[in-house]
Amino acid sequence: MHLALYGVILGLLIGGVYALMASGLALVWGVMRMINLAQAAFVILGAYLDYTAYTMLHVDPFVAIVPIAVLMFALGVGIYYLFFRPLKAERQTLSTLVSYALLLAGVGVLGAVYSTNVRFISPAYGLQSWTVIGFQLPVVEVYGFVISAALVGGLFWFLSSSRLGRAIRAATQNPTAATLLGVKTEWVGAVGFGIGTATGAAAGGLYGMIYSFNPNSSLDLVGILLSIVVVGGFGSLGGAIAAAVGLGVTSSLVFVYAPVWSGLGFYGILVAVLLFRPQGLWGVPQWRVE
């Protein structure tokens, strides 16, 4: 029982970081109806930027997340205008293909700049832990969860309380009606893509302090992120966050009792959801003509 509870706690901590990663992916789907496969590359790029800030500039990796997120927001807006705005016909399909090309390009560029050697962000407190009611909680994972929760909470506040956030929600729910009401959907799409890029990079900095990584880690993360948004339901930000936490706990419990099978925790639930609720746990069924 003690071991299972410990697995649940660690799964919650890791799930918070995955929730931050997946929130950007869910937001981009809502705004652009695009599966942004490049999100995984943005996550690993964020990890490398955090690694560089710590090893070369001697900036605390948690502190470096803030300027990295701002930089990546600007990069995301630029990528949107350069690669996605020109797409007109078959935009949804083509944009997903473009994002896949960006993912592969990102892997190649990171490999050329940093090599394929495995890296790890290891601050002085990286191996420290706190003892709480008999459980050893890694300091980095606790901080990572708190920061992820704060950023996800800030994202929800932004979408619900700010004028631009409400415009993004309107474009997410009904792009045509939003356009008729005067919402500039292209600008909203750029901001949404920038926010998704920034949250992914911020999560990458946290990811790099918990796991080792190299450029090919982007390809490993694609399956995990897609599993999260499919289980949560495409277009549901809350669903993606809940699914990330739930899948994090499931994967951690599998690792506790059967480490060899830990990597299949995400995909086992994904298969079950696709079989019995294809729209996802929090998704809305789509009408279709047989």
C-alpha atoms as a PDB file:
ATOM      1  CA  MET A   1       0.000   0.000   0.000  1.00  0.00           C
ATOM      2  CA  HIS A   2       2.816   2.384   0.897  1.00  0.00           C
ATOM      3  CA  LEU A   3       4.524   1.654  -2.426  1.00  0.00           C
ATOM      4  CA  ALA A   4       1.318   2.222  -4.388  1.00  0.00           C
ATOM      5  CA  LEU A   5       0.659   5.536  -2.655  1.00  0.00           C
ATOM      6  CA  TYR A   6       4.218   6.618  -3.362  1.00  0.00           C
ATOM      7  CA  GLY A   7       3.696   5.754  -7.030  1.00  0.00           C
ATOM      8  CA  VAL A   8       0.525   7.856  -7.088  1.00  0.00           C
ATOM      9  CA  ILE A   9       2.324  10.851  -5.572  1.00  0.00           C
ATOM     10  CA  LEU A  10       5.217  10.664  -8.037  1.00  0.00           C
ATOM     11  CA  GLY A  11       2.744  10.188 -10.888  1.00  0.00           C
ATOM     12  CA  LEU A  12       0.897  13.344  -9.871  1.00  0.00           C
ATOM     13  CA  LEU A  13       4.147  15.320  -9.835  1.00  0.00           C
ATOM     14  CA  ILE A  14       5.185  14.090 -13.279  1.00  0.00           C
ATOM     15  CA  GLY A  15       1.646  14.410 -14.600  1.00  0.00           C
ATOM     16  CA  GLY A  16       1.697  18.116 -13.818  1.00  0.00           C
ATOM     17  CA  VAL A  17       4.650  18.627 -16.177  1.00  0.00           C
ATOM     18  CA  TYR A  18       2.961  16.566 -18.886  1.00  0.00           C
ATOM     19  CA  ALA A  19      -0.184  18.661 -18.394  1.00  0.00           C
ATOM     20  CA  LEU A  20       1.790  21.814 -19.136  1.00  0.00           C
ATOM     21  CA  MET A  21       3.191  20.212 -22.304  1.00  0.00           C
ATOM     22  CA  ALA A  22      -0.217  19.030 -23.479  1.00  0.00           C
ATOM     23  CA  SER A  23      -2.022  22.304 -22.705  1.00  0.00           C
ATOM     24  CA  GLY A  24      -0.270  24.000 -25.612  1.00  0.00           C
ATOM     25  CA  LEU A  25      -1.087  21.120 -27.942  1.00  0.00           C
ATOM     26  CA  ALA A  26      -4.762  21.228 -26.938  1.00  0.00           C
ATOM     27  CA  LEU A  27      -4.872  25.011 -27.348  1.00  0.00           C
ATOM     28  CA  VAL A  28      -3.388  24.890 -30.850  1.00  0.00           C
ATOM     29  CA  TRP A  29      -5.897  22.221 -31.850  1.00  0.00           C
ATOM     30  CA  GLY A  30      -8.733  24.386 -30.550  1.00  0.00           C
ATOM     31  CA  VAL A  31      -7.586  27.514 -32.386  1.00  0.00           C
ATOM     32  CA  MET A  32      -6.266  26.000 -35.624  1.00  0.00           C
ATOM     33  CA  ARG A  33      -7.812  22.495 -35.722  1.00  0.00           C
ATOM     34  CA  MET A  34      -4.270  21.241 -36.205  1.00  0.00           C
ATOM     35  CA  ILE A  35      -2.393  18.402 -34.542  1.00  0.00           C
ATOM     36  CA  ASN A  36       0.831  20.256 -33.841  1.00  0.00           C
ATOM     37  CA  LEU A  37       3.401  17.475 -33.953  1.00  0.00           C
ATOM     38  CA  ALA A  38       6.138  20.102 -33.654  1.00  0.00           C
ATOM     39  CA  GLN A  39       5.079  20.658 -30.033  1.00  0.00           C
ATOM     40  CA  ALA A  40       7.387  17.811 -29.002  1.00  0.00           C
ATOM     41  CA  ALA A  41      10.326  19.554 -30.694  1.00  0.00           C
ATOM     42  CA  PHE A  42       9.467  22.806 -28.896  1.00  0.00           C
ATOM     43  CA  VAL A  43       9.544  20.925 -25.593  1.00  0.00           C
ATOM     44  CA  ILE A  44      13.020  19.527 -26.220  1.00  0.00           C
ATOM     45  CA  LEU A  45      14.229  22.869 -27.577  1.00  0.00           C
ATOM     46  CA  GLY A  46      13.096  24.407 -24.298  1.00  0.00           C
ATOM     47  CA  ALA A  47      15.081  21.761 -22.432  1.00  0.00           C
ATOM     48  CA  TYR A  48      18.206  22.561 -24.463  1.00  0.00           C
ATOM     49  CA  LEU A  49      17.801  26.309 -23.964  1.00  0.00           C
ATOM     50  CA  ASP A  50      17.428  25.784 -20.229  1.00  0.00           C
ATOM     51  CA  TYR A  51      20.489  23.535 -20.261  1.00  0.00           C
ATOM     52  CA  THR A  52      22.465  26.215 -22.111  1.00  0.00           C
ATOM     53  CA  ALA A  53      21.334  28.965 -19.741  1.00  0.00           C
ATOM     54  CA  TYR A  54      22.428  26.886 -16.752  1.00  0.00           C
ATOM     55  CA  THR A  55      25.759  25.542 -18.052  1.00  0.00           C
ATOM     56  CA  MET A  56      26.979  28.598 -19.983  1.00  0.00           C
ATOM     57  CA  LEU A  57      25.270  31.573 -18.351  1.00  0.00           C
ATOM     58  CA  HIS A  58      24.984  30.073 -14.846  1.00  0.00           C
ATOM     59  CA  VAL A  59      21.326  31.010 -14.555  1.00  0.00           C
ATOM     60  CA  ASP A  60      19.206  28.881 -12.240  1.00  0.00           C
ATOM     61  CA  PRO A  61      17.198  26.537 -14.505  1.00  0.00           C
ATOM     62  CA  PHE A  62      13.897  27.410 -12.843  1.00  0.00           C
ATOM     63  CA  VAL A  63      14.554  31.143 -13.265  1.00  0.00           C
ATOM     64  CA  ALA A  64      15.629  30.669 -16.893  1.00  0.00           C
ATOM     65  CA  ILE A  65      12.224  29.226 -17.760  1.00  0.00           C
ATOM     66  CA  VAL A  66      10.659  32.709 -17.759  1.00  0.00           C
ATOM     67  CA  PRO A  67      12.830  34.364 -20.460  1.00  0.00           C
ATOM     68  CA  ILE A  68      12.859  31.110 -22.434  1.00  0.00           C
ATOM     69  CA  ALA A  69       9.042  31.076 -22.497  1.00  0.00           C
ATOM     70  CA  VAL A  70       8.960  34.706 -23.680  1.00  0.00           C
ATOM     71  CA  LEU A  71      11.522  33.961 -26.399  1.00  0.00           C
ATOM     72  CA  MET A  72       9.647  30.870 -27.528  1.00  0.00           C
ATOM     73  CA  PHE A  73       6.357  32.771 -27.639  1.00  0.00           C
ATOM     74  CA  ALA A  74       7.934  35.178 -30.138  1.00  0.00           C
ATOM     75  CA  LEU A  75       9.391  32.236 -32.073  1.00  0.00           C
ATOM     76  CA  GLY A  76       5.991  30.548 -32.164  1.00  0.00           C
ATOM     77  CA  VAL A  77       4.273  33.654 -33.532  1.00  0.00           C
ATOM     78  CA  GLY A  78       6.989  33.957 -36.180  1.00  0.00           C
ATOM     79  CA  ILE A  79       6.636  30.290 -37.161  1.00  0.00           C
ATOM     80  CA  TYR A  80       2.880  30.717 -37.475  1.00  0.00           C
ATOM     81  CA  TYR A  81       3.162  33.656 -39.868  1.00  0.00           C
ATOM     82  CA  LEU A  82       5.983  32.071 -41.849  1.00  0.00           C
ATOM     83  CA  PHE A  83       4.699  28.524 -42.255  1.00  0.00           C
ATOM     84  CA  PHE A  84       0.988  28.321 -41.410  1.00  0.00           C
ATOM     85  CA  ARG A  85      -0.670  31.587 -42.378  1.00  0.00           C
ATOM     86  CA  PRO A  86       0.115  31.144 -46.118  1.00  0.00           C
ATOM     87  CA  LEU A  87      -1.818  27.856 -46.145  1.00  0.00           C
ATOM     88  CA  LYS A  88      -5.290  28.308 -47.596  1.00  0.00           C
ATOM     89  CA  ALA A  89      -6.850  25.249 -49.232  1.00  0.00           C
ATOM     90  CA  GLU A  90      -6.922  22.051 -47.157  1.00  0.00           C
ATOM     91  CA  ARG A  91      -5.368  24.068 -44.352  1.00  0.00           C
ATOM     92  CA  GLN A  92      -6.051  21.573 -41.560  1.00  0.00           C
ATOM     93  CA  THR A  93      -4.384  18.653 -43.338  1.00  0.00           C
ATOM     94  CA  LEU A  94      -1.511  20.658 -44.753  1.00  0.00           C
ATOM     95  CA  SER A  95      -0.755  22.380 -41.438  1.00  0.00           C
ATOM     96  CA  THR A  96      -0.414  19.021 -39.704  1.00  0.00           C
ATOM     97  CA  LEU A  97       2.026  17.899 -42.403  1.00  0.00           C
ATOM     98  CA  VAL A  98       3.952  21.149 -42.023  1.00  0.00           C
ATOM     99  CA  SER A  99       4.146  20.614 -38.258  1.00  0.00           C
ATOM    100  CA  TYR A 100       5.562  17.137 -38.882  1.00  0.00           C
ATOM    101  CA  ALA A 101       8.184  18.640 -41.175  1.00  0.00           C
ATOM    102  CA  LEU A 102       9.031  21.171 -38.447  1.00  0.00           C
ATOM    103  CA  LEU A 103       9.378  18.313 -35.961  1.00  0.00           C
ATOM    104  CA  LEU A 104      11.896  16.512 -38.174  1.00  0.00           C
ATOM    105  CA  ALA A 105      13.721  19.747 -38.928  1.00  0.00           C
ATOM    106  CA  GLY A 106      13.895  20.506 -35.211  1.00  0.00           C
ATOM    107  CA  VAL A 107      15.423  17.097 -34.489  1.00  0.00           C
ATOM    108  CA  GLY A 108      18.018  17.667 -37.195  1.00  0.00           C
ATOM    109  CA  VAL A 109      18.929  21.201 -36.111  1.00  0.00           C
ATOM    110  CA  LEU A 110      19.238  20.225 -32.447  1.00  0.00           C
ATOM    111  CA  GLY A 111      21.412  17.276 -33.420  1.00  0.00           C
ATOM    112  CA  ALA A 112      23.671  19.540 -35.481  1.00  0.00           C
ATOM    113  CA  VAL A 113      23.982  22.177 -32.749  1.00  0.00           C
ATOM    114  CA  TYR A 114      24.151  20.033 -29.620  1.00  0.00           C
ATOM    115  CA  SER A 115      25.119  16.616 -31.070  1.00  0.00           C
ATOM    116  CA  THR A 116      23.167  13.497 -30.181  1.00  0.00           C
ATOM    117  CA  ASN A 117      24.792  13.051 -26.772  1.00  0.00           C
ATOM    118  CA  VAL A 118      22.388  12.656 -23.880  1.00  0.00           C
ATOM    119  CA  ARG A 119      22.103  15.764 -21.679  1.00  0.00           C
ATOM    120  CA  PHE A 120      20.636  16.394 -18.250  1.00  0.00           C
ATOM    121  CA  ILE A 121      20.044  19.627 -16.336  1.00  0.00           C
ATOM    122  CA  SER A 122      21.548  18.991 -12.914  1.00  0.00           C
ATOM    123  CA  PRO A 123      21.494  21.972 -10.533  1.00  0.00           C
ATOM    124  CA  ALA A 124      23.089  21.629  -7.106  1.00  0.00           C
ATOM    125  CA  TYR A 125      19.740  20.780  -5.515  1.00  0.00           C
ATOM    126  CA  GLY A 126      18.873  18.273  -8.231  1.00  0.00           C
ATOM    127  CA  LEU A 127      19.403  15.227  -6.007  1.00  0.00           C
ATOM    128  CA  GLN A 128      17.834  16.701  -2.880  1.00  0.00           C
ATOM    129  CA  SER A 129      14.501  15.498  -1.534  1.00  0.00           C
ATOM    130  CA  TRP A 130      12.070  16.288   1.239  1.00  0.00           C
ATOM    131  CA  THR A 131      10.638  13.721   3.624  1.00  0.00           C
ATOM    132  CA  VAL A 132       6.875  14.207   3.952  1.00  0.00           C
ATOM    133  CA  ILE A 133       4.863  11.735   6.058  1.00  0.00           C
ATOM    134  CA  GLY A 134       7.412   9.053   5.292  1.00  0.00           C
ATOM    135  CA  PHE A 135       7.715   9.709   1.543  1.00  0.00           C
ATOM    136  CA  GLN A 136      10.849  10.991  -0.181  1.00  0.00           C
ATOM    137  CA  LEU A 137       9.744  13.726  -2.564  1.00  0.00           C
ATOM    138  CA  PRO A 138      12.383  14.975  -5.041  1.00  0.00           C
ATOM    139  CA  VAL A 139      12.772  18.745  -4.758  1.00  0.00           C
ATOM    140  CA  VAL A 140      12.965  19.232  -8.532  1.00  0.00           C
ATOM    141  CA  GLU A 141       9.748  17.326  -9.185  1.00  0.00           C
ATOM    142  CA  VAL A 142       7.868  19.206  -6.462  1.00  0.00           C
ATOM    143  CA  TYR A 143       9.027  22.555  -7.838  1.00  0.00           C
ATOM    144  CA  GLY A 144       8.215  21.376 -11.346  1.00  0.00           C
ATOM    145  CA  PHE A 145       4.675  20.459 -10.331  1.00  0.00           C
ATOM    146  CA  VAL A 146       4.126  23.789  -8.548  1.00  0.00           C
ATOM    147  CA  ILE A 147       5.405  25.788 -11.524  1.00  0.00           C
ATOM    148  CA  SER A 148       3.357  23.707 -13.974  1.00  0.00           C
ATOM    149  CA  ALA A 149       0.208  24.171 -11.879  1.00  0.00           C
ATOM    150  CA  ALA A 150       0.833  27.924 -11.672  1.00  0.00           C
ATOM    151  CA  LEU A 151       1.354  28.253 -15.427  1.00  0.00           C
ATOM    152  CA  VAL A 152      -1.676  26.105 -16.288  1.00  0.00           C
ATOM    153  CA  GLY A 153      -3.755  28.084 -13.794  1.00  0.00           C
ATOM    154  CA  GLY A 154      -2.498  31.310 -15.351  1.00  0.00           C
ATOM    155  CA  LEU A 155      -3.454  30.002 -18.786  1.00  0.00           C
ATOM    156  CA  PHE A 156      -6.992  29.244 -17.604  1.00  0.00           C
ATOM    157  CA  TRP A 157      -7.257  32.712 -16.044  1.00  0.00           C
ATOM    158  CA  PHE A 158      -6.022  34.312 -19.260  1.00  0.00           C
ATOM    159  CA  LEU A 159      -8.528  32.427 -21.403  1.00  0.00           C
ATOM    160  CA  SER A 160     -11.460  33.157 -19.087  1.00  0.00           C
ATOM    161  CA  SER A 161     -10.762  36.699 -17.894  1.00  0.00           C
ATOM    162  CA  SER A 162      -8.844  38.644 -20.539  1.00  0.00           C
ATOM    163  CA  ARG A 163     -10.354  40.101 -23.703  1.00  0.00           C
ATOM    164  CA  LEU A 164      -7.802  38.345 -25.907  1.00  0.00           C
ATOM    165  CA  GLY A 165      -8.366  35.103 -24.017  1.00  0.00           C
ATOM    166  CA  ARG A 166     -12.105  35.309 -24.617  1.00  0.00           C
ATOM    167  CA  ALA A 167     -11.401  35.936 -28.303  1.00  0.00           C
ATOM    168  CA  ILE A 168      -9.276  32.794 -28.385  1.00  0.00           C
ATOM    169  CA  ARG A 169     -12.064  30.816 -26.719  1.00  0.00           C
ATOM    170  CA  ALA A 170     -14.585  32.192 -29.208  1.00  0.00           C
ATOM    171  CA  ALA A 171     -12.357  31.198 -32.135  1.00  0.00           C
ATOM    172  CA  THR A 172     -11.937  27.766 -30.546  1.00  0.00           C
ATOM    173  CA  GLN A 173     -15.658  27.146 -30.117  1.00  0.00           C
ATOM    174  CA  ASN A 174     -16.918  28.604 -33.412  1.00  0.00           C
ATOM    175  CA  PRO A 175     -14.373  30.200 -35.775  1.00  0.00           C
ATOM    176  CA  THR A 176     -17.012  31.323 -38.291  1.00  0.00           C
ATOM    177  CA  ALA A 177     -19.188  33.079 -35.715  1.00  0.00           C
ATOM    178  CA  ALA A 178     -16.108  34.630 -34.112  1.00  0.00           C
ATOM    179  CA  THR A 179     -15.064  36.087 -37.471  1.00  0.00           C
ATOM    180  CA  LEU A 180     -18.536  37.534 -38.020  1.00  0.00           C
ATOM    181  CA  LEU A 181     -18.323  39.186 -34.599  1.00  0.00           C
ATOM    182  CA  GLY A 182     -15.090  40.928 -35.543  1.00  0.00           C
ATOM    183  CA  VAL A 183     -12.518  38.565 -34.046  1.00  0.00           C
ATOM    184  CA  LYS A 184      -9.313  38.632 -36.082  1.00  0.00           C
ATOM    185  CA  THR A 185      -8.845  34.894 -36.362  1.00  0.00           C
ATOM    186  CA  GLU A 186      -5.389  35.119 -37.958  1.00  0.00           C
ATOM    187  CA  TRP A 187      -4.060  37.172 -35.047  1.00  0.00           C
ATOM    188  CA  VAL A 188      -5.807  34.882 -32.565  1.00  0.00           C
ATOM    189  CA  GLY A 189      -4.242  31.885 -34.305  1.00  0.00           C
ATOM    190  CA  ALA A 190      -0.779  33.446 -34.070  1.00  0.00           C
ATOM    191  CA  VAL A 191      -1.178  34.235 -30.372  1.00  0.00           C
ATOM    192  CA  GLY A 192      -2.597  30.783 -29.653  1.00  0.00           C
ATOM    193  CA  PHE A 193       0.285  29.117 -31.462  1.00  0.00           C
ATOM    194  CA  GLY A 194       2.765  31.341 -29.615  1.00  0.00           C
ATOM    195  CA  ILE A 195       1.245  30.453 -26.247  1.00  0.00           C
ATOM    196  CA  GLY A 196       1.340  26.765 -27.119  1.00  0.00           C
ATOM    197  CA  THR A 197       4.997  27.060 -28.087  1.00  0.00           C
ATOM    198  CA  ALA A 198       5.838  28.956 -24.893  1.00  0.00           C
ATOM    199  CA  THR A 199       4.105  26.473 -22.577  1.00  0.00           C
ATOM    200  CA  GLY A 200       5.796  23.583 -24.364  1.00  0.00           C
ATOM    201  CA  ALA A 201       9.230  25.171 -23.948  1.00  0.00           C
ATOM    202  CA  ALA A 202       8.570  25.941 -20.274  1.00  0.00           C
ATOM    203  CA  ALA A 203       7.577  22.328 -19.733  1.00  0.00           C
ATOM    204  CA  GLY A 204      10.750  21.308 -21.570  1.00  0.00           C
ATOM    205  CA  GLY A 205      12.909  23.125 -19.033  1.00  0.00           C
ATOM    206  CA  LEU A 206      11.185  21.186 -16.253  1.00  0.00           C
ATOM    207  CA  TYR A 207      11.381  17.939 -18.227  1.00  0.00           C
ATOM    208  CA  GLY A 208      15.145  18.352 -18.667  1.00  0.00           C
ATOM    209  CA  MET A 209      15.618  18.490 -14.886  1.00  0.00           C
ATOM    210  CA  ILE A 210      13.696  15.242 -14.385  1.00  0.00           C
ATOM    211  CA  TYR A 211      14.738  13.146 -17.380  1.00  0.00           C
ATOM    212  CA  SER A 212      17.817  12.958 -19.577  1.00  0.00           C
ATOM    213  CA  PHE A 213      17.208  13.995 -23.172  1.00  0.00           C
ATOM    214  CA  ASN A 214      18.702  14.263 -26.637  1.00  0.00           C
ATOM    215  CA  PRO A 215      17.253  15.495 -29.969  1.00  0.00           C
ATOM    216  CA  ASN A 216      15.493  12.183 -30.594  1.00  0.00           C
ATOM    217  CA  SER A 217      13.543  12.631 -27.360  1.00  0.00           C
ATOM    218  CA  SER A 218      11.199  14.777 -29.452  1.00  0.00           C
ATOM    219  CA  LEU A 219      10.119  11.670 -31.343  1.00  0.00           C
ATOM    220  CA  ASP A 220       9.508   9.797 -28.091  1.00  0.00           C
ATOM    221  CA  LEU A 221       7.333  12.614 -26.744  1.00  0.00           C
ATOM    222  CA  VAL A 222       5.074  12.734 -29.800  1.00  0.00           C
ATOM    223  CA  GLY A 223       3.312   9.509 -28.855  1.00  0.00           C
ATOM    224  CA  ILE A 224       2.918  10.562 -25.220  1.00  0.00           C
ATOM    225  CA  LEU A 225       1.459  13.968 -26.069  1.00  0.00           C
ATOM    226  CA  LEU A 226      -0.917  12.538 -28.656  1.00  0.00           C
ATOM    227  CA  SER A 227      -2.068   9.927 -26.143  1.00  0.00           C
ATOM    228  CA  ILE A 228      -2.848  12.681 -23.652  1.00  0.00           C
ATOM    229  CA  VAL A 229      -4.923  14.838 -25.996  1.00  0.00           C
ATOM    230  CA  VAL A 230      -6.751  11.837 -27.469  1.00  0.00           C
ATOM    231  CA  VAL A 231      -7.655  10.463 -24.032  1.00  0.00           C
ATOM    232  CA  GLY A 232      -8.677  13.918 -22.802  1.00  0.00           C
ATOM    233  CA  GLY A 233     -10.603  14.733 -25.984  1.00  0.00           C
ATOM    234  CA  PHE A 234      -9.405  16.952 -28.817  1.00  0.00           C
ATOM    235  CA  GLY A 235     -10.240  20.596 -28.143  1.00  0.00           C
ATOM    236  CA  SER A 236     -10.695  20.124 -24.402  1.00  0.00           C
ATOM    237  CA  LEU A 237      -7.965  21.923 -22.468  1.00  0.00           C
ATOM    238  CA  GLY A 238      -9.289  20.701 -19.130  1.00  0.00           C
ATOM    239  CA  GLY A 239      -9.550  17.185 -20.531  1.00  0.00           C
ATOM    240  CA  ALA A 240      -5.928  17.241 -21.681  1.00  0.00           C
ATOM    241  CA  ILE A 241      -4.761  18.357 -18.246  1.00  0.00           C
ATOM    242  CA  ALA A 242      -6.840  15.734 -16.439  1.00  0.00           C
ATOM    243  CA  ALA A 243      -5.668  13.041 -18.860  1.00  0.00           C
ATOM    244  CA  ALA A 244      -2.023  14.062 -18.400  1.00  0.00           C
ATOM    245  CA  VAL A 245      -2.278  13.715 -14.629  1.00  0.00           C
ATOM    246  CA  GLY A 246      -4.215  10.459 -14.868  1.00  0.00           C
ATOM    247  CA  LEU A 247      -1.820   8.926 -17.365  1.00  0.00           C
ATOM    248  CA  GLY A 248       1.150  10.113 -15.300  1.00  0.00           C
ATOM    249  CA  VAL A 249      -0.238   8.312 -12.258  1.00  0.00           C
ATOM    250  CA  THR A 250      -0.998   5.186 -14.294  1.00  0.00           C
ATOM    251  CA  SER A 251       2.497   5.083 -15.792  1.00  0.00           C
ATOM    252  CA  SER A 252       4.065   5.588 -12.370  1.00  0.00           C
ATOM    253  CA  LEU A 253       2.026   2.773 -10.822  1.00  0.00           C
ATOM    254  CA  VAL A 254       2.936   0.423 -13.654  1.00  0.00           C
ATOM    255  CA  PHE A 255       6.590   1.342 -13.123  1.00  0.00           C
ATOM    256  CA  VAL A 256       6.331   0.576  -9.403  1.00  0.00           C
ATOM    257  CA  TYR A 257       5.009  -2.942  -9.946  1.00  0.00           C
ATOM    258  CA  ALA A 258       6.343  -3.826 -13.411  1.00  0.00           C
ATOM    259  CA  PRO A 259       9.146  -1.483 -14.524  1.00  0.00           C
ATOM    260  CA  VAL A 260       9.580  -3.321 -17.830  1.00  0.00           C
ATOM    261  CA  TRP A 261       6.034  -2.382 -18.868  1.00  0.00           C
ATOM    262  CA  SER A 262       6.048   1.203 -17.618  1.00  0.00           C
ATOM    263  CA  GLY A 263       6.303   2.672 -21.104  1.00  0.00           C
ATOM    264  CA  LEU A 264       3.054   0.981 -22.130  1.00  0.00           C
ATOM    265  CA  GLY A 265       0.935   2.608 -19.438  1.00  0.00           C
ATOM    266  CA  PHE A 266       0.008   5.550 -21.648  1.00  0.00           C
ATOM    267  CA  TYR A 267      -0.756   3.433 -24.680  1.00  0.00           C
ATOM    268  CA  GLY A 268      -2.839   0.821 -22.877  1.00  0.00           C
ATOM    269  CA  ILE A 269      -5.288   3.486 -21.721  1.00  0.00           C
ATOM    270  CA  LEU A 270      -5.180   5.103 -25.163  1.00  0.00           C
ATOM    271  CA  VAL A 271      -6.289   1.855 -26.830  1.00  0.00           C
ATOM    272  CA  ALA A 272      -9.083   1.375 -24.276  1.00  0.00           C
ATOM    273  CA  VAL A 273     -10.394   4.910 -24.805  1.00  0.00           C
ATOM    274  CA  LEU A 274     -10.279   4.576 -28.591  1.00  0.00           C
ATOM    275  CA  LEU A 275     -12.259   1.346 -28.366  1.00  0.00           C
ATOM    276  CA  PHE A 276     -14.993   2.493 -25.977  1.00  0.00           C
ATOM    277  CA  ARG A 277     -15.077   6.312 -26.236  1.00  0.00           C
ATOM    278  CA  PRO A 278     -13.333   7.463 -29.440  1.00  0.00           C
ATOM    279  CA  GLN A 279     -14.086  11.153 -28.809  1.00  0.00           C
ATOM    280  CA  GLY A 280     -12.044  11.037 -25.589  1.00  0.00           C
ATOM    281  CA  LEU A 281     -13.171  11.149 -21.986  1.00  0.00           C
ATOM    282  CA  TRP A 282     -14.047  14.856 -22.106  1.00  0.00           C
ATOM    283  CA  GLY A 283     -14.501  15.236 -25.846  1.00  0.00           C
ATOM    284  CA  VAL A 284     -17.729  15.873 -27.730  1.00  0.00           C
ATOM    285  CA  PRO A 285     -18.944  13.301 -30.282  1.00  0.00           C
ATOM    286  CA  GLN A 286     -18.810  14.566 -33.864  1.00  0.00           C
ATOM    287  CA  TRP A 287     -21.667  14.106 -36.286  1.00  0.00           C
ATOM    288  CA  ARG A 288     -20.752  12.085 -39.295  1.00  0.00           C
ATOM    289  CA  VAL A 289     -22.487  10.685 -42.364  1.00  0.00           C
ATOM    290  CA  GLU A 290     -22.081   6.976 -42.958  1.00  0.00           C
END
